[in-house]
């Protein structure tokens, strides 16, 4: 798992350094969009997971960006790599403020899980009642895959190389035969190139 995280982090940083080198040759910071920057690397802190974020605007595509997230959950030991395609739109002629939406997918690995071994169902006064017994845990490594949506706002600070953003990222996940729908909201801070 540590190898996976280090490899993903290396790829993200390599892409960022190549972009910085190309940018110094081009002297262009818009990346084909009106975002005010071409690439941003930073941190994303959320209610469900936190980690590294890198966003890059595609040249020639008006307001289209790719974002990669390398995150870990607070309640799980492991990491997740998320890739998102996003469409950015300016808001009310406010320079640097953008609304964005998009979709993507993720894959990750986690060590250990918690589950109930014995679940019993009862019907009491026309209501369904579930009684959970035998709470267990294990330390096996599990692979998780899923689909993500994202909706957010970001603001490129004028005269400073920083972008501040907030987003809501619901996702669906398949985890060792179990499925689930999760909600994640976060705040991001990126340094821009």
N, C-alpha and C. Protein backbone atom coordinates (compact mmCIF):
# COMPACT_ATOMS: atom_id res chain seq x y z
N UNK A 1 0.83 -1.19 0.00
CA UNK A 1 0.00 0.00 0.00
C UNK A 1 0.87 1.25 0.00
N UNK A 2 1.98 1.23 0.75
CA UNK A 2 2.86 2.39 0.78
C UNK A 2 3.50 2.60 -0.59
N UNK A 3 3.84 1.50 -1.29
CA UNK A 3 4.41 1.62 -2.62
C UNK A 3 3.42 2.30 -3.57
N UNK A 4 2.14 1.89 -3.51
CA UNK A 4 1.09 2.47 -4.35
C UNK A 4 0.99 3.98 -4.10
N UNK A 5 0.98 4.39 -2.84
CA UNK A 5 0.86 5.79 -2.49
C UNK A 5 2.07 6.58 -2.98
N UNK A 6 3.27 6.03 -2.78
CA UNK A 6 4.48 6.73 -3.21
C UNK A 6 4.55 6.84 -4.72
N UNK A 7 4.16 5.80 -5.44
CA UNK A 7 4.17 5.85 -6.91
C UNK A 7 3.18 6.90 -7.40
N UNK A 8 1.97 6.91 -6.84
CA UNK A 8 0.96 7.89 -7.25
C UNK A 8 1.44 9.31 -6.95
N UNK A 9 2.04 9.54 -5.81
CA UNK A 9 2.55 10.85 -5.45
C UNK A 9 3.67 11.26 -6.40
N UNK A 10 4.55 10.32 -6.77
CA UNK A 10 5.63 10.61 -7.71
C UNK A 10 5.10 11.01 -9.08
N UNK A 11 4.08 10.31 -9.57
CA UNK A 11 3.48 10.64 -10.87
C UNK A 11 2.86 12.03 -10.83
N UNK A 12 2.15 12.34 -9.75
CA UNK A 12 1.50 13.64 -9.63
C UNK A 12 2.55 14.75 -9.60
N UNK A 13 3.62 14.58 -8.83
CA UNK A 13 4.66 15.61 -8.76
C UNK A 13 5.42 15.73 -10.06
N UNK A 14 5.66 14.62 -10.75
CA UNK A 14 6.36 14.67 -12.04
C UNK A 14 5.54 15.46 -13.06
N UNK A 15 4.24 15.23 -13.08
CA UNK A 15 3.37 15.98 -13.99
C UNK A 15 3.43 17.47 -13.67
N UNK A 16 3.45 17.80 -12.39
CA UNK A 16 3.51 19.21 -11.97
C UNK A 16 4.81 19.88 -12.38
N UNK A 17 5.95 19.19 -12.22
CA UNK A 17 7.22 19.79 -12.58
C UNK A 17 7.37 19.93 -14.08
N UNK A 18 6.83 18.99 -14.86
CA UNK A 18 6.86 19.12 -16.32
C UNK A 18 6.03 20.33 -16.74
N UNK A 19 4.91 20.54 -16.08
CA UNK A 19 4.06 21.68 -16.41
C UNK A 19 4.76 22.99 -16.09
N UNK A 20 5.48 23.06 -14.97
CA UNK A 20 6.20 24.28 -14.61
C UNK A 20 7.26 24.59 -15.66
N UNK A 21 7.99 23.57 -16.12
CA UNK A 21 9.01 23.78 -17.14
C UNK A 21 8.39 24.26 -18.44
N UNK A 22 7.29 23.65 -18.85
CA UNK A 22 6.61 24.06 -20.08
C UNK A 22 6.05 25.47 -19.95
N UNK A 23 5.59 25.81 -18.77
CA UNK A 23 5.00 27.12 -18.54
C UNK A 23 6.04 28.22 -18.66
N UNK A 24 7.25 27.98 -18.16
CA UNK A 24 8.27 29.00 -18.23
C UNK A 24 8.66 29.29 -19.68
N UNK A 25 8.52 28.30 -20.56
CA UNK A 25 8.81 28.51 -21.97
C UNK A 25 7.68 29.27 -22.66
N UNK A 26 6.45 28.95 -22.29
CA UNK A 26 5.29 29.54 -22.97
C UNK A 26 4.96 30.94 -22.48
N UNK A 27 5.21 31.22 -21.21
CA UNK A 27 4.80 32.47 -20.57
C UNK A 27 3.29 32.65 -20.60
N UNK A 28 2.58 31.53 -20.50
CA UNK A 28 1.12 31.57 -20.51
C UNK A 28 0.62 30.92 -19.24
N UNK A 29 -0.30 31.59 -18.52
CA UNK A 29 -0.78 31.02 -17.26
C UNK A 29 -2.24 30.66 -17.28
N UNK A 30 -2.90 30.81 -18.40
CA UNK A 30 -4.33 30.55 -18.40
C UNK A 30 -4.68 29.13 -18.80
N UNK A 31 -3.83 28.42 -19.49
CA UNK A 31 -4.11 27.05 -19.89
C UNK A 31 -5.34 26.91 -20.74
N UNK A 32 -5.73 27.93 -21.46
CA UNK A 32 -6.89 27.84 -22.33
C UNK A 32 -8.19 28.10 -21.60
N UNK A 33 -8.12 28.57 -20.37
CA UNK A 33 -9.35 28.86 -19.63
C UNK A 33 -9.23 30.25 -19.02
N UNK A 34 -10.29 30.72 -18.40
CA UNK A 34 -10.25 32.01 -17.74
C UNK A 34 -10.08 31.84 -16.23
N UNK A 35 -9.47 30.73 -15.81
CA UNK A 35 -9.28 30.44 -14.39
C UNK A 35 -8.17 31.27 -13.78
N UNK A 36 -7.25 31.77 -14.61
CA UNK A 36 -6.14 32.55 -14.10
C UNK A 36 -4.92 31.70 -13.76
N UNK A 37 -4.99 30.41 -13.98
CA UNK A 37 -3.84 29.53 -13.75
C UNK A 37 -3.96 28.30 -14.63
N UNK A 38 -2.85 27.60 -14.76
CA UNK A 38 -2.83 26.40 -15.59
C UNK A 38 -2.81 25.13 -14.75
N UNK A 39 -1.99 25.11 -13.69
CA UNK A 39 -1.87 23.94 -12.82
C UNK A 39 -1.82 24.40 -11.37
N UNK A 40 -2.48 23.65 -10.50
CA UNK A 40 -2.44 23.92 -9.08
C UNK A 40 -2.21 22.64 -8.30
N UNK A 41 -1.32 22.71 -7.31
CA UNK A 41 -1.01 21.56 -6.45
C UNK A 41 -1.21 21.99 -5.01
N UNK A 42 -1.90 21.16 -4.21
CA UNK A 42 -2.11 21.53 -2.83
C UNK A 42 -2.73 20.44 -2.00
N UNK A 43 -3.41 20.86 -0.94
CA UNK A 43 -4.02 19.95 0.02
C UNK A 43 -5.53 20.09 0.01
N UNK A 44 -6.20 18.96 0.25
CA UNK A 44 -7.67 18.92 0.33
C UNK A 44 -8.03 18.29 1.66
N UNK A 45 -8.73 19.02 2.50
CA UNK A 45 -9.15 18.51 3.81
C UNK A 45 -10.66 18.42 3.87
N UNK A 46 -11.17 17.22 4.15
CA UNK A 46 -12.60 17.02 4.14
C UNK A 46 -13.13 16.31 5.36
N UNK A 47 -14.43 16.14 5.38
CA UNK A 47 -15.09 15.47 6.48
C UNK A 47 -14.95 13.97 6.43
N UNK A 48 -14.70 13.41 5.26
CA UNK A 48 -14.59 11.97 5.12
C UNK A 48 -13.17 11.53 4.78
N UNK A 49 -12.49 12.30 3.94
CA UNK A 49 -11.12 11.97 3.56
C UNK A 49 -10.33 13.23 3.27
N UNK A 50 -9.00 13.12 3.35
CA UNK A 50 -8.11 14.25 3.09
C UNK A 50 -6.88 13.77 2.36
N UNK A 51 -6.18 14.71 1.69
CA UNK A 51 -4.96 14.33 1.02
C UNK A 51 -4.46 15.38 0.06
N UNK A 52 -3.77 14.92 -0.97
CA UNK A 52 -3.12 15.75 -1.97
C UNK A 52 -4.06 15.95 -3.16
N UNK A 53 -4.06 17.16 -3.74
CA UNK A 53 -4.85 17.44 -4.93
C UNK A 53 -3.98 18.14 -5.97
N UNK A 54 -4.16 17.77 -7.23
CA UNK A 54 -3.51 18.47 -8.33
C UNK A 54 -4.56 18.66 -9.42
N UNK A 55 -4.65 19.90 -9.92
CA UNK A 55 -5.62 20.22 -10.97
C UNK A 55 -4.86 20.86 -12.13
N UNK A 56 -5.17 20.39 -13.34
CA UNK A 56 -4.51 20.91 -14.54
C UNK A 56 -5.56 21.22 -15.61
N UNK A 57 -5.52 22.43 -16.14
CA UNK A 57 -6.43 22.82 -17.22
C UNK A 57 -5.84 22.40 -18.55
N UNK A 58 -6.65 21.80 -19.39
CA UNK A 58 -6.21 21.35 -20.71
C UNK A 58 -6.12 22.55 -21.64
N UNK A 59 -5.01 22.65 -22.36
CA UNK A 59 -4.85 23.77 -23.29
C UNK A 59 -5.77 23.57 -24.48
N UNK A 60 -6.35 24.66 -24.94
CA UNK A 60 -7.26 24.60 -26.07
C UNK A 60 -8.68 24.20 -25.70
N UNK A 61 -8.91 23.77 -24.48
CA UNK A 61 -10.25 23.39 -24.03
C UNK A 61 -10.71 24.46 -23.04
N UNK A 62 -11.72 25.19 -23.38
CA UNK A 62 -12.19 26.30 -22.55
C UNK A 62 -12.81 25.80 -21.25
N UNK A 63 -12.08 25.96 -20.16
CA UNK A 63 -12.61 25.63 -18.85
C UNK A 63 -12.66 24.16 -18.50
N UNK A 64 -11.94 23.29 -19.22
CA UNK A 64 -11.93 21.86 -18.92
C UNK A 64 -10.64 21.53 -18.17
N UNK A 65 -10.79 20.87 -17.02
CA UNK A 65 -9.64 20.53 -16.19
C UNK A 65 -9.69 19.06 -15.79
N UNK A 66 -8.52 18.52 -15.51
CA UNK A 66 -8.38 17.19 -14.93
C UNK A 66 -7.87 17.36 -13.52
N UNK A 67 -8.47 16.64 -12.57
CA UNK A 67 -8.03 16.72 -11.18
C UNK A 67 -7.74 15.32 -10.68
N UNK A 68 -6.62 15.19 -9.98
CA UNK A 68 -6.24 13.92 -9.34
C UNK A 68 -6.17 14.15 -7.85
N UNK A 69 -6.74 13.21 -7.09
CA UNK A 69 -6.71 13.26 -5.63
C UNK A 69 -6.07 11.99 -5.10
N UNK A 70 -5.14 12.13 -4.19
CA UNK A 70 -4.58 11.00 -3.46
C UNK A 70 -4.97 11.24 -2.01
N UNK A 71 -5.93 10.45 -1.51
CA UNK A 71 -6.50 10.71 -0.19
C UNK A 71 -6.48 9.46 0.68
N UNK A 72 -6.68 9.70 1.95
CA UNK A 72 -6.87 8.63 2.91
C UNK A 72 -8.07 8.99 3.78
N UNK A 73 -8.78 7.99 4.25
CA UNK A 73 -9.94 8.22 5.09
C UNK A 73 -9.52 8.25 6.55
N UNK A 74 -10.29 8.93 7.35
CA UNK A 74 -9.99 9.03 8.77
C UNK A 74 -10.19 7.69 9.48
N UNK A 75 -11.16 6.89 9.05
CA UNK A 75 -11.50 5.65 9.74
C UNK A 75 -10.89 4.41 9.10
N UNK A 76 -10.09 4.58 8.05
CA UNK A 76 -9.52 3.40 7.36
C UNK A 76 -8.01 3.57 7.22
N UNK A 77 -7.32 2.44 7.21
CA UNK A 77 -5.89 2.46 6.96
C UNK A 77 -5.69 2.10 5.49
N UNK A 78 -5.26 3.08 4.71
CA UNK A 78 -5.10 2.86 3.28
C UNK A 78 -5.19 4.16 2.53
N UNK A 79 -5.29 4.07 1.22
CA UNK A 79 -5.34 5.28 0.39
C UNK A 79 -6.21 5.04 -0.84
N UNK A 80 -6.60 6.15 -1.47
CA UNK A 80 -7.46 6.10 -2.65
C UNK A 80 -6.92 7.09 -3.67
N UNK A 81 -6.88 6.70 -4.94
CA UNK A 81 -6.53 7.58 -6.05
C UNK A 81 -7.80 7.87 -6.84
N UNK A 82 -8.14 9.15 -6.96
CA UNK A 82 -9.35 9.57 -7.66
C UNK A 82 -8.96 10.44 -8.85
N UNK A 83 -9.54 10.17 -10.01
CA UNK A 83 -9.32 10.97 -11.21
C UNK A 83 -10.66 11.57 -11.65
N UNK A 84 -10.69 12.88 -11.86
CA UNK A 84 -11.92 13.60 -12.18
C UNK A 84 -11.73 14.48 -13.41
N UNK A 85 -12.75 14.55 -14.26
CA UNK A 85 -12.82 15.52 -15.34
C UNK A 85 -13.80 16.60 -14.92
N UNK A 86 -13.43 17.88 -15.07
CA UNK A 86 -14.25 18.97 -14.56
C UNK A 86 -14.45 20.05 -15.61
N UNK A 87 -15.62 20.68 -15.58
CA UNK A 87 -15.95 21.82 -16.44
C UNK A 87 -16.11 23.04 -15.54
N UNK A 88 -15.34 24.10 -15.83
CA UNK A 88 -15.36 25.32 -15.03
C UNK A 88 -16.10 26.43 -15.76
N UNK A 89 -16.85 27.22 -14.98
CA UNK A 89 -17.59 28.35 -15.53
C UNK A 89 -17.41 29.55 -14.60
N UNK A 90 -17.22 30.73 -15.19
CA UNK A 90 -17.11 31.97 -14.40
C UNK A 90 -18.45 32.32 -13.79
N UNK A 91 -18.39 33.03 -12.67
CA UNK A 91 -19.61 33.43 -11.96
C UNK A 91 -19.71 34.95 -11.94
N UNK A 92 -20.78 35.47 -12.49
CA UNK A 92 -21.19 36.88 -12.37
C UNK A 92 -20.04 37.86 -12.56
N UNK A 93 -19.19 37.63 -13.51
CA UNK A 93 -18.09 38.54 -13.85
C UNK A 93 -17.19 38.88 -12.66
N UNK A 94 -17.11 38.01 -11.67
CA UNK A 94 -16.19 38.19 -10.55
C UNK A 94 -14.87 37.54 -10.95
N UNK A 95 -13.84 38.33 -11.10
CA UNK A 95 -12.56 37.82 -11.57
C UNK A 95 -11.99 36.80 -10.58
N UNK A 96 -11.69 35.61 -11.08
CA UNK A 96 -11.08 34.57 -10.25
C UNK A 96 -12.07 33.61 -9.61
N UNK A 97 -13.37 33.92 -9.58
CA UNK A 97 -14.37 33.04 -8.96
C UNK A 97 -14.98 32.13 -10.02
N UNK A 98 -14.95 30.82 -9.75
CA UNK A 98 -15.48 29.85 -10.71
C UNK A 98 -16.30 28.78 -10.02
N UNK A 99 -17.33 28.34 -10.73
CA UNK A 99 -18.16 27.21 -10.36
C UNK A 99 -17.71 26.05 -11.23
N UNK A 100 -17.65 24.83 -10.68
CA UNK A 100 -17.28 23.68 -11.52
C UNK A 100 -18.06 22.44 -11.12
N UNK A 101 -18.16 21.52 -12.08
CA UNK A 101 -18.83 20.25 -11.88
C UNK A 101 -18.10 19.21 -12.70
N UNK A 102 -18.26 17.95 -12.32
CA UNK A 102 -17.58 16.91 -13.08
C UNK A 102 -17.85 15.53 -12.53
N UNK A 103 -17.15 14.55 -13.11
CA UNK A 103 -17.31 13.16 -12.72
C UNK A 103 -16.00 12.43 -12.94
N UNK A 104 -15.89 11.26 -12.33
CA UNK A 104 -14.69 10.46 -12.48
C UNK A 104 -14.82 9.12 -11.79
N UNK A 105 -13.67 8.55 -11.45
CA UNK A 105 -13.64 7.23 -10.81
C UNK A 105 -12.48 7.17 -9.84
N UNK A 106 -12.50 6.15 -8.99
CA UNK A 106 -11.41 5.99 -8.02
C UNK A 106 -11.10 4.52 -7.80
N UNK A 107 -9.91 4.27 -7.27
CA UNK A 107 -9.49 2.94 -6.86
C UNK A 107 -8.61 3.11 -5.63
N UNK A 108 -8.69 2.16 -4.72
CA UNK A 108 -7.90 2.25 -3.50
C UNK A 108 -7.77 0.92 -2.83
N UNK A 109 -7.02 0.91 -1.75
CA UNK A 109 -6.83 -0.29 -0.95
C UNK A 109 -6.86 0.11 0.52
N UNK A 110 -7.50 -0.73 1.32
CA UNK A 110 -7.65 -0.48 2.75
C UNK A 110 -7.27 -1.72 3.52
N UNK A 111 -6.69 -1.52 4.67
CA UNK A 111 -6.35 -2.65 5.52
C UNK A 111 -7.32 -2.69 6.69
N UNK A 112 -8.02 -3.81 6.80
CA UNK A 112 -8.97 -4.00 7.89
C UNK A 112 -10.35 -3.49 7.57
N UNK A 113 -11.33 -4.07 8.23
CA UNK A 113 -12.71 -3.61 8.13
C UNK A 113 -13.43 -4.01 9.41
N UNK A 114 -14.55 -3.35 9.65
CA UNK A 114 -15.38 -3.64 10.81
C UNK A 114 -16.74 -4.08 10.31
N UNK A 115 -17.29 -5.10 10.91
CA UNK A 115 -18.57 -5.60 10.43
C UNK A 115 -19.29 -6.36 11.54
N UNK A 116 -20.59 -6.59 11.32
CA UNK A 116 -21.40 -7.38 12.23
C UNK A 116 -21.56 -8.77 11.65
N UNK A 117 -21.26 -9.78 12.43
CA UNK A 117 -21.30 -11.16 11.96
C UNK A 117 -22.71 -11.75 11.99
N UNK A 118 -23.55 -11.30 12.93
CA UNK A 118 -24.88 -11.87 13.10
C UNK A 118 -25.91 -10.74 13.11
N UNK A 119 -26.77 -10.71 12.12
CA UNK A 119 -27.82 -9.69 12.03
C UNK A 119 -29.16 -10.40 12.07
N UNK A 120 -30.02 -9.97 12.97
CA UNK A 120 -31.35 -10.58 13.10
C UNK A 120 -32.42 -9.54 12.80
N UNK A 121 -33.50 -10.01 12.18
CA UNK A 121 -34.58 -9.14 11.77
C UNK A 121 -35.84 -9.50 12.56
N UNK A 122 -36.51 -8.47 13.07
CA UNK A 122 -37.77 -8.66 13.79
C UNK A 122 -38.79 -7.65 13.27
N UNK A 123 -40.05 -7.99 13.38
CA UNK A 123 -41.12 -7.07 13.02
C UNK A 123 -41.88 -6.77 14.31
N UNK A 124 -41.83 -5.50 14.75
CA UNK A 124 -42.44 -5.08 16.00
C UNK A 124 -43.37 -3.91 15.70
N UNK A 125 -44.65 -4.07 16.01
CA UNK A 125 -45.66 -3.03 15.82
C UNK A 125 -45.59 -2.42 14.42
N UNK A 126 -45.55 -3.27 13.40
CA UNK A 126 -45.53 -2.89 11.99
C UNK A 126 -44.28 -2.10 11.59
N UNK A 127 -43.23 -2.23 12.37
CA UNK A 127 -41.95 -1.59 12.04
C UNK A 127 -40.88 -2.65 11.97
N UNK A 128 -39.97 -2.46 11.04
CA UNK A 128 -38.85 -3.39 10.91
C UNK A 128 -37.76 -3.02 11.92
N UNK A 129 -37.28 -4.01 12.65
CA UNK A 129 -36.24 -3.81 13.65
C UNK A 129 -35.10 -4.78 13.34
N UNK A 130 -33.89 -4.24 13.26
CA UNK A 130 -32.71 -5.06 13.04
C UNK A 130 -31.87 -5.06 14.30
N UNK A 131 -31.46 -6.22 14.74
CA UNK A 131 -30.61 -6.35 15.92
C UNK A 131 -29.25 -6.86 15.45
N UNK A 132 -28.21 -6.09 15.72
CA UNK A 132 -26.86 -6.46 15.30
C UNK A 132 -26.12 -7.06 16.49
N UNK A 133 -25.49 -8.21 16.25
CA UNK A 133 -24.75 -8.88 17.30
C UNK A 133 -23.39 -9.32 16.76
N UNK A 134 -22.48 -9.56 17.62
CA UNK A 134 -21.15 -10.05 17.27
C UNK A 134 -20.40 -9.09 16.35
N UNK A 135 -20.02 -7.94 16.89
CA UNK A 135 -19.23 -6.95 16.18
C UNK A 135 -17.80 -7.48 16.03
N UNK A 136 -17.26 -7.49 14.79
CA UNK A 136 -15.94 -8.08 14.52
C UNK A 136 -15.10 -7.13 13.68
N UNK A 137 -13.81 -7.43 13.64
CA UNK A 137 -12.89 -6.69 12.78
C UNK A 137 -11.82 -7.66 12.29
N UNK A 138 -11.14 -7.27 11.20
CA UNK A 138 -10.03 -8.07 10.70
C UNK A 138 -8.95 -7.14 10.15
N UNK A 139 -7.80 -7.70 9.79
CA UNK A 139 -6.68 -6.90 9.29
C UNK A 139 -6.30 -7.25 7.86
N UNK A 140 -7.17 -7.84 7.10
CA UNK A 140 -6.87 -8.18 5.71
C UNK A 140 -6.87 -6.90 4.86
N UNK A 141 -6.23 -6.96 3.69
CA UNK A 141 -6.21 -5.83 2.77
C UNK A 141 -7.31 -6.02 1.72
N UNK A 142 -8.09 -4.96 1.51
CA UNK A 142 -9.23 -5.02 0.59
C UNK A 142 -9.07 -3.95 -0.48
N UNK A 143 -9.46 -4.27 -1.69
CA UNK A 143 -9.44 -3.34 -2.82
C UNK A 143 -10.83 -2.71 -2.94
N UNK A 144 -10.87 -1.40 -3.22
CA UNK A 144 -12.13 -0.68 -3.40
C UNK A 144 -12.07 0.08 -4.72
N UNK A 145 -13.17 0.07 -5.46
CA UNK A 145 -13.30 0.85 -6.69
C UNK A 145 -14.64 1.56 -6.67
N UNK A 146 -14.76 2.62 -7.45
CA UNK A 146 -16.04 3.32 -7.45
C UNK A 146 -16.08 4.48 -8.43
N UNK A 147 -17.23 5.15 -8.44
CA UNK A 147 -17.50 6.30 -9.31
C UNK A 147 -17.75 7.53 -8.46
N UNK A 148 -17.33 8.69 -8.96
CA UNK A 148 -17.40 9.94 -8.21
C UNK A 148 -18.08 11.04 -9.02
N UNK A 149 -18.74 11.94 -8.33
CA UNK A 149 -19.23 13.20 -8.88
C UNK A 149 -18.60 14.32 -8.07
N UNK A 150 -18.52 15.51 -8.64
CA UNK A 150 -17.98 16.65 -7.88
C UNK A 150 -18.70 17.92 -8.31
N UNK A 151 -18.90 18.80 -7.34
CA UNK A 151 -19.56 20.09 -7.53
C UNK A 151 -18.84 21.07 -6.61
N UNK A 152 -18.36 22.20 -7.13
CA UNK A 152 -17.59 23.08 -6.26
C UNK A 152 -17.48 24.51 -6.72
N UNK A 153 -16.85 25.32 -5.86
CA UNK A 153 -16.53 26.72 -6.11
C UNK A 153 -15.05 26.90 -5.80
N UNK A 154 -14.38 27.72 -6.60
CA UNK A 154 -13.00 28.05 -6.27
C UNK A 154 -12.72 29.49 -6.62
N UNK A 155 -11.77 30.07 -5.88
CA UNK A 155 -11.41 31.46 -6.07
C UNK A 155 -9.90 31.58 -6.19
N UNK A 156 -9.42 32.12 -7.31
CA UNK A 156 -8.00 32.38 -7.53
C UNK A 156 -7.71 33.74 -6.92
N UNK A 157 -6.86 33.76 -5.88
CA UNK A 157 -6.53 35.02 -5.21
C UNK A 157 -5.77 35.93 -6.16
N UNK A 158 -6.22 37.17 -6.24
CA UNK A 158 -5.59 38.13 -7.14
C UNK A 158 -4.21 38.50 -6.62
N UNK A 159 -3.23 38.54 -7.50
CA UNK A 159 -1.84 38.90 -7.21
C UNK A 159 -1.12 37.90 -6.31
N UNK A 160 -1.74 36.77 -5.99
CA UNK A 160 -1.09 35.72 -5.20
C UNK A 160 -1.23 34.39 -5.94
N UNK A 161 -0.26 33.51 -5.79
CA UNK A 161 -0.33 32.23 -6.53
C UNK A 161 -1.11 31.14 -5.79
N UNK A 162 -2.29 31.47 -5.29
CA UNK A 162 -3.08 30.51 -4.51
C UNK A 162 -4.52 30.46 -5.02
N UNK A 163 -5.10 29.26 -4.91
CA UNK A 163 -6.51 29.04 -5.20
C UNK A 163 -7.14 28.40 -3.96
N UNK A 164 -8.26 28.94 -3.52
CA UNK A 164 -9.01 28.40 -2.39
C UNK A 164 -10.31 27.85 -2.95
N UNK A 165 -10.69 26.64 -2.55
CA UNK A 165 -11.90 26.04 -3.07
C UNK A 165 -12.67 25.24 -2.03
N UNK A 166 -13.95 25.08 -2.30
CA UNK A 166 -14.81 24.19 -1.51
C UNK A 166 -15.53 23.29 -2.50
N UNK A 167 -15.75 22.04 -2.11
CA UNK A 167 -16.45 21.13 -3.01
C UNK A 167 -17.26 20.11 -2.24
N UNK A 168 -18.22 19.53 -2.96
CA UNK A 168 -19.03 18.42 -2.48
C UNK A 168 -18.81 17.28 -3.46
N UNK A 169 -18.36 16.11 -2.94
CA UNK A 169 -17.99 15.00 -3.81
C UNK A 169 -18.66 13.71 -3.32
N UNK A 170 -19.88 13.43 -3.77
CA UNK A 170 -20.49 12.14 -3.44
C UNK A 170 -19.85 11.04 -4.27
N UNK A 171 -19.78 9.83 -3.71
CA UNK A 171 -19.21 8.72 -4.48
C UNK A 171 -19.86 7.40 -4.11
N UNK A 172 -19.85 6.51 -5.08
CA UNK A 172 -20.36 5.15 -4.94
C UNK A 172 -19.15 4.22 -4.93
N UNK A 173 -19.17 3.23 -4.03
CA UNK A 173 -17.99 2.38 -3.89
C UNK A 173 -18.37 0.91 -3.74
N UNK A 174 -17.58 0.05 -4.36
CA UNK A 174 -17.69 -1.40 -4.19
C UNK A 174 -16.47 -1.82 -3.39
N UNK A 175 -16.70 -2.44 -2.24
CA UNK A 175 -15.64 -2.75 -1.29
C UNK A 175 -15.81 -4.18 -0.80
N UNK A 176 -15.03 -5.11 -1.32
CA UNK A 176 -15.04 -6.51 -0.90
C UNK A 176 -16.46 -7.10 -0.87
N UNK A 177 -17.19 -6.89 -1.96
CA UNK A 177 -18.54 -7.44 -2.05
C UNK A 177 -19.62 -6.55 -1.48
N UNK A 178 -19.27 -5.48 -0.80
CA UNK A 178 -20.24 -4.55 -0.24
C UNK A 178 -20.29 -3.32 -1.11
N UNK A 179 -21.44 -2.67 -1.17
CA UNK A 179 -21.56 -1.43 -1.91
C UNK A 179 -22.05 -0.35 -0.96
N UNK A 180 -21.73 0.88 -1.29
CA UNK A 180 -22.16 1.98 -0.44
C UNK A 180 -22.12 3.29 -1.18
N UNK A 181 -22.93 4.24 -0.74
CA UNK A 181 -22.95 5.60 -1.27
C UNK A 181 -22.50 6.52 -0.15
N UNK A 182 -21.49 7.34 -0.41
CA UNK A 182 -20.90 8.18 0.63
C UNK A 182 -20.90 9.64 0.17
N UNK A 183 -20.94 10.55 1.13
CA UNK A 183 -20.89 11.99 0.87
C UNK A 183 -19.60 12.55 1.45
N UNK A 184 -18.92 13.36 0.68
CA UNK A 184 -17.68 13.97 1.13
C UNK A 184 -17.69 15.44 0.73
N UNK A 185 -17.39 16.31 1.65
CA UNK A 185 -17.24 17.74 1.37
C UNK A 185 -15.87 18.16 1.88
N UNK A 186 -15.26 19.12 1.20
CA UNK A 186 -13.89 19.47 1.57
C UNK A 186 -13.56 20.92 1.21
N UNK A 187 -12.45 21.38 1.79
CA UNK A 187 -11.85 22.67 1.48
C UNK A 187 -10.47 22.39 0.91
N UNK A 188 -10.11 23.09 -0.16
CA UNK A 188 -8.81 22.89 -0.82
C UNK A 188 -8.03 24.18 -0.86
N UNK A 189 -6.72 24.05 -0.76
CA UNK A 189 -5.80 25.18 -0.95
C UNK A 189 -4.69 24.69 -1.87
N UNK A 190 -4.53 25.36 -3.02
CA UNK A 190 -3.52 24.97 -4.01
C UNK A 190 -2.61 26.14 -4.32
N UNK A 191 -1.34 25.83 -4.57
CA UNK A 191 -0.41 26.82 -5.10
C UNK A 191 -0.45 26.66 -6.62
N UNK A 192 -0.45 27.76 -7.34
CA UNK A 192 -0.68 27.70 -8.79
C UNK A 192 0.60 28.00 -9.57
N UNK A 193 0.65 27.46 -10.79
CA UNK A 193 1.79 27.66 -11.70
C UNK A 193 1.29 28.24 -13.01
